Amino acid sequence: MKGFFRQQEERMAVRLLTWQYQRLKMALPGEQEMQRRATQLVDDAHRIAKQRGRNVMAIVKEMVEDIKKK
């Protein structure tokens, strides 16, 4: 079971991803796929934060911004 803060980070990642897809006028993936992507983003952000000592949500926001560049 995921902790409260982890759940909040994943919810925020879903909202950021949704916003980014809508802004880019891209079709939204299904709910399960969106959750999978959000979970992966948060996992990656935690790994990066651990290495660099940075804020997880700031890293998630940067990673979502990088989606539009791909």
PDB file of N, CA and C in Angstrom:
ATOM      1  N   MET A   1       0.842  -1.183   0.000  1.00  0.00           N
ATOM      2  CA  MET A   1       0.000   0.000   0.000  1.00  0.00           C
ATOM      3  C   MET A   1       0.884   1.243   0.000  1.00  0.00           C
ATOM      4  N   LYS A   2       0.511   2.208  -0.812  1.00  0.00           N
ATOM      5  CA  LYS A   2       1.288   3.434  -0.939  1.00  0.00           C
ATOM      6  C   LYS A   2       0.927   4.401   0.179  1.00  0.00           C
ATOM      7  N   GLY A   3       1.929   5.153   0.613  1.00  0.00           N
ATOM      8  CA  GLY A   3       1.723   6.140   1.657  1.00  0.00           C
ATOM      9  C   GLY A   3       0.993   7.368   1.141  1.00  0.00           C
ATOM     10  N   PHE A   4       0.552   8.187   2.062  1.00  0.00           N
ATOM     11  CA  PHE A   4      -0.216   9.381   1.735  1.00  0.00           C
ATOM     12  C   PHE A   4       0.546  10.307   0.799  1.00  0.00           C
ATOM     13  N   PHE A   5       1.805  10.606   1.116  1.00  0.00           N
ATOM     14  CA  PHE A   5       2.566  11.544   0.296  1.00  0.00           C
ATOM     15  C   PHE A   5       2.823  10.990  -1.097  1.00  0.00           C
ATOM     16  N   ARG A   6       3.082   9.714  -1.184  1.00  0.00           N
ATOM     17  CA  ARG A   6       3.303   9.076  -2.484  1.00  0.00           C
ATOM     18  C   ARG A   6       2.032   9.175  -3.339  1.00  0.00           C
ATOM     19  N   GLN A   7       0.888   8.934  -2.731  1.00  0.00           N
ATOM     20  CA  GLN A   7      -0.381   9.044  -3.456  1.00  0.00           C
ATOM     21  C   GLN A   7      -0.599  10.465  -3.964  1.00  0.00           C
ATOM     22  N   GLN A   8      -0.270  11.445  -3.131  1.00  0.00           N
ATOM     23  CA  GLN A   8      -0.421  12.844  -3.527  1.00  0.00           C
ATOM     24  C   GLN A   8       0.523  13.199  -4.678  1.00  0.00           C
ATOM     25  N   GLU A   9       1.739  12.698  -4.623  1.00  0.00           N
ATOM     26  CA  GLU A   9       2.687  12.949  -5.717  1.00  0.00           C
ATOM     27  C   GLU A   9       2.181  12.350  -7.021  1.00  0.00           C
ATOM     28  N   GLU A  10       1.639  11.145  -6.960  1.00  0.00           N
ATOM     29  CA  GLU A  10       1.132  10.500  -8.171  1.00  0.00           C
ATOM     30  C   GLU A  10      -0.103  11.225  -8.703  1.00  0.00           C
ATOM     31  N   ARG A  11      -0.972  11.698  -7.820  1.00  0.00           N
ATOM     32  CA  ARG A  11      -2.147  12.465  -8.276  1.00  0.00           C
ATOM     33  C   ARG A  11      -1.709  13.744  -8.972  1.00  0.00           C
ATOM     34  N   MET A  12      -0.714  14.412  -8.397  1.00  0.00           N
ATOM     35  CA  MET A  12      -0.203  15.632  -9.006  1.00  0.00           C
ATOM     36  C   MET A  12       0.428  15.324 -10.365  1.00  0.00           C
ATOM     37  N   ALA A  13       1.140  14.226 -10.464  1.00  0.00           N
ATOM     38  CA  ALA A  13       1.749  13.836 -11.735  1.00  0.00           C
ATOM     39  C   ALA A  13       0.678  13.560 -12.786  1.00  0.00           C
ATOM     40  N   VAL A  14      -0.422  12.912 -12.399  1.00  0.00           N
ATOM     41  CA  VAL A  14      -1.523  12.657 -13.336  1.00  0.00           C
ATOM     42  C   VAL A  14      -2.097  13.986 -13.824  1.00  0.00           C
ATOM     43  N   ARG A  15      -2.302  14.928 -12.899  1.00  0.00           N
ATOM     44  CA  ARG A  15      -2.850  16.235 -13.296  1.00  0.00           C
ATOM     45  C   ARG A  15      -1.890  16.968 -14.232  1.00  0.00           C
ATOM     46  N   LEU A  16      -0.596  16.910 -13.924  1.00  0.00           N
ATOM     47  CA  LEU A  16       0.385  17.560 -14.796  1.00  0.00           C
ATOM     48  C   LEU A  16       0.428  16.907 -16.175  1.00  0.00           C
ATOM     49  N   LEU A  17       0.403  15.591 -16.199  1.00  0.00           N
ATOM     50  CA  LEU A  17       0.393  14.886 -17.487  1.00  0.00           C
ATOM     51  C   LEU A  17      -0.860  15.218 -18.291  1.00  0.00           C
ATOM     52  N   THR A  18      -2.006  15.219 -17.632  1.00  0.00           N
ATOM     53  CA  THR A  18      -3.276  15.533 -18.306  1.00  0.00           C
ATOM     54  C   THR A  18      -3.216  16.936 -18.896  1.00  0.00           C
ATOM     55  N   TRP A  19      -2.760  17.880 -18.086  1.00  0.00           N
ATOM     56  CA  TRP A  19      -2.644  19.254 -18.559  1.00  0.00           C
ATOM     57  C   TRP A  19      -1.718  19.346 -19.765  1.00  0.00           C
ATOM     58  N   GLN A  20      -0.588  18.649 -19.709  1.00  0.00           N
ATOM     59  CA  GLN A  20       0.384  18.704 -20.799  1.00  0.00           C
ATOM     60  C   GLN A  20      -0.206  18.096 -22.083  1.00  0.00           C
ATOM     61  N   TYR A  21      -0.869  16.958 -21.960  1.00  0.00           N
ATOM     62  CA  TYR A  21      -1.492  16.343 -23.137  1.00  0.00           C
ATOM     63  C   TYR A  21      -2.545  17.266 -23.742  1.00  0.00           C
ATOM     64  N   GLN A  22      -3.370  17.866 -22.902  1.00  0.00           N
ATOM     65  CA  GLN A  22      -4.413  18.763 -23.398  1.00  0.00           C
ATOM     66  C   GLN A  22      -3.812  19.993 -24.050  1.00  0.00           C
ATOM     67  N   ARG A  23      -2.781  20.531 -23.444  1.00  0.00           N
ATOM     68  CA  ARG A  23      -2.119  21.720 -23.977  1.00  0.00           C
ATOM     69  C   ARG A  23      -1.513  21.453 -25.348  1.00  0.00           C
ATOM     70  N   LEU A  24      -0.993  20.243 -25.517  1.00  0.00           N
ATOM     71  CA  LEU A  24      -0.380  19.867 -26.791  1.00  0.00           C
ATOM     72  C   LEU A  24      -1.389  19.287 -27.775  1.00  0.00           C
ATOM     73  N   LYS A  25      -2.667  19.275 -27.339  1.00  0.00           N
ATOM     74  CA  LYS A  25      -3.762  18.739 -28.172  1.00  0.00           C
ATOM     75  C   LYS A  25      -3.493  17.299 -28.597  1.00  0.00           C
ATOM     76  N   MET A  26      -2.985  16.523 -27.645  1.00  0.00           N
ATOM     77  CA  MET A  26      -2.716  15.105 -27.874  1.00  0.00           C
ATOM     78  C   MET A  26      -3.826  14.297 -27.202  1.00  0.00           C
ATOM     79  N   ALA A  27      -4.120  13.138 -27.759  1.00  0.00           N
ATOM     80  CA  ALA A  27      -5.116  12.254 -27.162  1.00  0.00           C
ATOM     81  C   ALA A  27      -4.602  11.748 -25.815  1.00  0.00           C
ATOM     82  N   LEU A  28      -5.481  11.760 -24.833  1.00  0.00           N
ATOM     83  CA  LEU A  28      -5.102  11.262 -23.513  1.00  0.00           C
ATOM     84  C   LEU A  28      -5.053   9.743 -23.532  1.00  0.00           C
ATOM     85  N   PRO A  29      -4.037   9.163 -22.908  1.00  0.00           N
ATOM     86  CA  PRO A  29      -4.010   7.703 -22.784  1.00  0.00           C
ATOM     87  C   PRO A  29      -5.119   7.265 -21.825  1.00  0.00           C
ATOM     88  N   GLY A  30      -5.391   5.984 -21.786  1.00  0.00           N
ATOM     89  CA  GLY A  30      -6.389   5.452 -20.876  1.00  0.00           C
ATOM     90  C   GLY A  30      -5.994   5.688 -19.427  1.00  0.00           C
ATOM     91  N   GLU A  31      -6.950   5.506 -18.528  1.00  0.00           N
ATOM     92  CA  GLU A  31      -6.722   5.761 -17.106  1.00  0.00           C
ATOM     93  C   GLU A  31      -5.580   4.920 -16.539  1.00  0.00           C
ATOM     94  N   GLN A  32      -5.545   3.639 -16.888  1.00  0.00           N
ATOM     95  CA  GLN A  32      -4.477   2.778 -16.373  1.00  0.00           C
ATOM     96  C   GLN A  32      -3.121   3.189 -16.913  1.00  0.00           C
ATOM     97  N   GLU A  33      -3.061   3.539 -18.185  1.00  0.00           N
ATOM     98  CA  GLU A  33      -1.801   3.971 -18.790  1.00  0.00           C
ATOM     99  C   GLU A  33      -1.341   5.292 -18.178  1.00  0.00           C
ATOM    100  N   MET A  34      -2.277   6.192 -17.949  1.00  0.00           N
ATOM    101  CA  MET A  34      -1.928   7.474 -17.334  1.00  0.00           C
ATOM    102  C   MET A  34      -1.383   7.246 -15.922  1.00  0.00           C
ATOM    103  N   GLN A  35      -1.997   6.359 -15.174  1.00  0.00           N
ATOM    104  CA  GLN A  35      -1.523   6.050 -13.824  1.00  0.00           C
ATOM    105  C   GLN A  35      -0.133   5.414 -13.872  1.00  0.00           C
ATOM    106  N   ARG A  36       0.074   4.534 -14.843  1.00  0.00           N
ATOM    107  CA  ARG A  36       1.387   3.899 -14.997  1.00  0.00           C
ATOM    108  C   ARG A  36       2.460   4.943 -15.286  1.00  0.00           C
ATOM    109  N   ARG A  37       2.143   5.877 -16.174  1.00  0.00           N
ATOM    110  CA  ARG A  37       3.102   6.923 -16.522  1.00  0.00           C
ATOM    111  C   ARG A  37       3.374   7.835 -15.328  1.00  0.00           C
ATOM    112  N   ALA A  38       2.343   8.159 -14.574  1.00  0.00           N
ATOM    113  CA  ALA A  38       2.510   9.000 -13.388  1.00  0.00           C
ATOM    114  C   ALA A  38       3.382   8.295 -12.353  1.00  0.00           C
ATOM    115  N   THR A  39       3.130   7.008 -12.151  1.00  0.00           N
ATOM    116  CA  THR A  39       3.926   6.235 -11.196  1.00  0.00           C
ATOM    117  C   THR A  39       5.384   6.205 -11.626  1.00  0.00           C
ATOM    118  N   GLN A  40       5.626   6.008 -12.909  1.00  0.00           N
ATOM    119  CA  GLN A  40       6.997   5.986 -13.429  1.00  0.00           C
ATOM    120  C   GLN A  40       7.668   7.342 -13.258  1.00  0.00           C
ATOM    121  N   LEU A  41       6.924   8.418 -13.519  1.00  0.00           N
ATOM    122  CA  LEU A  41       7.479   9.758 -13.336  1.00  0.00           C
ATOM    123  C   LEU A  41       7.897   9.989 -11.883  1.00  0.00           C
ATOM    124  N   VAL A  42       7.029   9.607 -10.967  1.00  0.00           N
ATOM    125  CA  VAL A  42       7.330   9.810  -9.545  1.00  0.00           C
ATOM    126  C   VAL A  42       8.502   8.934  -9.120  1.00  0.00           C
ATOM    127  N   ASP A  43       8.539   7.693  -9.602  1.00  0.00           N
ATOM    128  CA  ASP A  43       9.680   6.816  -9.299  1.00  0.00           C
ATOM    129  C   ASP A  43      10.986   7.448  -9.768  1.00  0.00           C
ATOM    130  N   ASP A  44      10.977   7.924 -11.018  1.00  0.00           N
ATOM    131  CA  ASP A  44      12.174   8.550 -11.575  1.00  0.00           C
ATOM    132  C   ASP A  44      12.540   9.817 -10.796  1.00  0.00           C
ATOM    133  N   ALA A  45      11.542  10.606 -10.438  1.00  0.00           N
ATOM    134  CA  ALA A  45      11.796  11.839  -9.689  1.00  0.00           C
ATOM    135  C   ALA A  45      12.413  11.535  -8.329  1.00  0.00           C
ATOM    136  N   HIS A  46      11.931  10.487  -7.669  1.00  0.00           N
ATOM    137  CA  HIS A  46      12.503  10.108  -6.371  1.00  0.00           C
ATOM    138  C   HIS A  46      13.957   9.672  -6.532  1.00  0.00           C
ATOM    139  N   ARG A  47      14.228   8.928  -7.576  1.00  0.00           N
ATOM    140  CA  ARG A  47      15.594   8.469  -7.818  1.00  0.00           C
ATOM    141  C   ARG A  47      16.516   9.669  -8.069  1.00  0.00           C
ATOM    142  N   ILE A  48      16.064  10.598  -8.897  1.00  0.00           N
ATOM    143  CA  ILE A  48      16.863  11.789  -9.206  1.00  0.00           C
ATOM    144  C   ILE A  48      17.032  12.652  -7.958  1.00  0.00           C
ATOM    145  N   ALA A  49      15.953  12.816  -7.191  1.00  0.00           N
ATOM    146  CA  ALA A  49      16.026  13.632  -5.971  1.00  0.00           C
ATOM    147  C   ALA A  49      17.020  13.042  -4.982  1.00  0.00           C
ATOM    148  N   LYS A  50      17.039  11.729  -4.912  1.00  0.00           N
ATOM    149  CA  LYS A  50      17.975  11.067  -3.997  1.00  0.00           C
ATOM    150  C   LYS A  50      19.420  11.328  -4.428  1.00  0.00           C
ATOM    151  N   GLN A  51      19.664  11.304  -5.736  1.00  0.00           N
ATOM    152  CA  GLN A  51      21.012  11.520  -6.249  1.00  0.00           C
ATOM    153  C   GLN A  51      21.446  12.977  -6.136  1.00  0.00           C
ATOM    154  N   ARG A  52      20.507  13.888  -6.397  1.00  0.00           N
ATOM    155  CA  ARG A  52      20.863  15.308  -6.493  1.00  0.00           C
ATOM    156  C   ARG A  52      20.400  16.147  -5.300  1.00  0.00           C
ATOM    157  N   GLY A  53      19.593  15.560  -4.426  1.00  0.00           N
ATOM    158  CA  GLY A  53      19.119  16.304  -3.274  1.00  0.00           C
ATOM    159  C   GLY A  53      18.149  17.419  -3.626  1.00  0.00           C
ATOM    160  N   ARG A  54      17.250  17.158  -4.575  1.00  0.00           N
ATOM    161  CA  ARG A  54      16.294  18.180  -5.007  1.00  0.00           C
ATOM    162  C   ARG A  54      14.878  17.778  -4.632  1.00  0.00           C
ATOM    163  N   ASN A  55      13.950  18.709  -4.821  1.00  0.00           N
ATOM    164  CA  ASN A  55      12.538  18.512  -4.523  1.00  0.00           C
ATOM    165  C   ASN A  55      11.891  17.605  -5.567  1.00  0.00           C
ATOM    166  N   VAL A  56      11.156  16.604  -5.116  1.00  0.00           N
ATOM    167  CA  VAL A  56      10.543  15.617  -6.008  1.00  0.00           C
ATOM    168  C   VAL A  56       9.554  16.270  -6.961  1.00  0.00           C
ATOM    169  N   MET A  57       8.678  17.135  -6.463  1.00  0.00           N
ATOM    170  CA  MET A  57       7.655  17.721  -7.343  1.00  0.00           C
ATOM    171  C   MET A  57       8.283  18.650  -8.381  1.00  0.00           C
ATOM    172  N   ALA A  58       9.343  19.340  -8.043  1.00  0.00           N
ATOM    173  CA  ALA A  58      10.026  20.180  -9.030  1.00  0.00           C
ATOM    174  C   ALA A  58      10.584  19.314 -10.154  1.00  0.00           C
ATOM    175  N   ILE A  59      11.111  18.172  -9.787  1.00  0.00           N
ATOM    176  CA  ILE A  59      11.653  17.248 -10.790  1.00  0.00           C
ATOM    177  C   ILE A  59      10.531  16.690 -11.658  1.00  0.00           C
ATOM    178  N   VAL A  60       9.392  16.326 -11.050  1.00  0.00           N
ATOM    179  CA  VAL A  60       8.245  15.812 -11.812  1.00  0.00           C
ATOM    180  C   VAL A  60       7.805  16.857 -12.831  1.00  0.00           C
ATOM    181  N   LYS A  61       7.710  18.111 -12.410  1.00  0.00           N
ATOM    182  CA  LYS A  61       7.294  19.179 -13.327  1.00  0.00           C
ATOM    183  C   LYS A  61       8.267  19.302 -14.498  1.00  0.00           C
ATOM    184  N   GLU A  62       9.559  19.234 -14.215  1.00  0.00           N
ATOM    185  CA  GLU A  62      10.564  19.303 -15.286  1.00  0.00           C
ATOM    186  C   GLU A  62      10.413  18.120 -16.249  1.00  0.00           C
ATOM    187  N   MET A  63      10.153  16.932 -15.693  1.00  0.00           N
ATOM    188  CA  MET A  63      10.032  15.742 -16.532  1.00  0.00           C
ATOM    189  C   MET A  63       8.799  15.832 -17.418  1.00  0.00           C
ATOM    190  N   VAL A  64       7.706  16.375 -16.900  1.00  0.00           N
ATOM    191  CA  VAL A  64       6.491  16.545 -17.699  1.00  0.00           C
ATOM    192  C   VAL A  64       6.761  17.546 -18.816  1.00  0.00           C
ATOM    193  N   GLU A  65       7.463  18.621 -18.513  1.00  0.00           N
ATOM    194  CA  GLU A  65       7.830  19.587 -19.548  1.00  0.00           C
ATOM    195  C   GLU A  65       8.648  18.926 -20.652  1.00  0.00           C
ATOM    196  N   ASP A  66       9.504  17.966 -20.285  1.00  0.00           N
ATOM    197  CA  ASP A  66      10.324  17.284 -21.271  1.00  0.00           C
ATOM    198  C   ASP A  66       9.496  16.442 -22.227  1.00  0.00           C
ATOM    199  N   ILE A  67       8.301  16.032 -21.815  1.00  0.00           N
ATOM    200  CA  ILE A  67       7.429  15.239 -22.687  1.00  0.00           C
ATOM    201  C   ILE A  67       7.116  15.998 -23.956  1.00  0.00           C
ATOM    202  N   LYS A  68       6.874  17.298 -23.835  1.00  0.00           N
ATOM    203  CA  LYS A  68       6.508  18.075 -25.026  1.00  0.00           C
ATOM    204  C   LYS A  68       7.667  18.179 -26.001  1.00  0.00           C
ATOM    205  N   LYS A  69       8.887  17.990 -25.525  1.00  0.00           N
ATOM    206  CA  LYS A  69      10.050  18.101 -26.397  1.00  0.00           C
ATOM    207  C   LYS A  69      10.297  16.819 -27.200  1.00  0.00           C
ATOM    208  N   LYS A  70       9.632  15.737 -26.802  1.00  0.00           N
ATOM    209  CA  LYS A  70       9.845  14.461 -27.483  1.00  0.00           C
ATOM    210  C   LYS A  70       8.916  14.281 -28.643  1.00  0.00           C
TER     211      LYS A  70
END
